[in-house]
Amino acid sequence: MDNTPARKAAPIMSVAPFPPAPPAGFVRHEYQRRWEIGRARSAVWQWLCDPSTFTDGQIPPFRVEFLTNAAGETGFAEGVYNAHVGPFMSFSGVLGEIEPERYRDLQYFYGSYAISHALFRPTRLQFWLEDGNARGTTMMQLQLTADVRRRAERVWVKSMDLFWRRFGRWCERDIPNSWLR
């Protein structure tokens, strides 16, 4: 029998998932993109908050995972842990505020990276939805905030343009068209 005295367990700290300012040599970059989707806002929201949008058709070794929050919820609910992982990337975070059919916030933890932790460190991914100009359309806006190595900022912007330019088309393609518009 071990007579080692019991150790006090320290409480779990409550801290921001990422530092308030970028580290030396980095700049905080906000990449923004808008799409007009020819579908109703409720349908776009459902697609944007359906885990299968991000998990179905994954090409190994890339993975997207959702872990339950304190209330036992999974998927896109506040407090759910989320990880996008694969070669040269690890985006781990927690879902923050969610306002149905309007706003979704994913805050990445310090240590998340794209290509290398020495180059690109995503900190937050936000989506906003609003009704489009034409009936039955939706404006979807994305803002991806990242700490980016100053000398690699142009590479980051070009790669984000390349990656995100298809996102709106994927959304529109995946949501069945309503001929009643």
Foldseek 3Di string as FASTA:
>chain_A
DDPDDDDDDDDDDDDAQEDPAFDPQWHKDKDKDKDKAQAALLLLLCLVQDVCVVAPPDDPPWHKDWAAAPVRDTTQDFRIWIWTDDPQWIWTFTKHDDDRSFKTKTATGPPTGGNDNVFKAWGMKMWGWDADPDPRMIMIMIIIIITGRVVCVVVVNVVCCVVCVCVSVSSNVVGDDDPVD
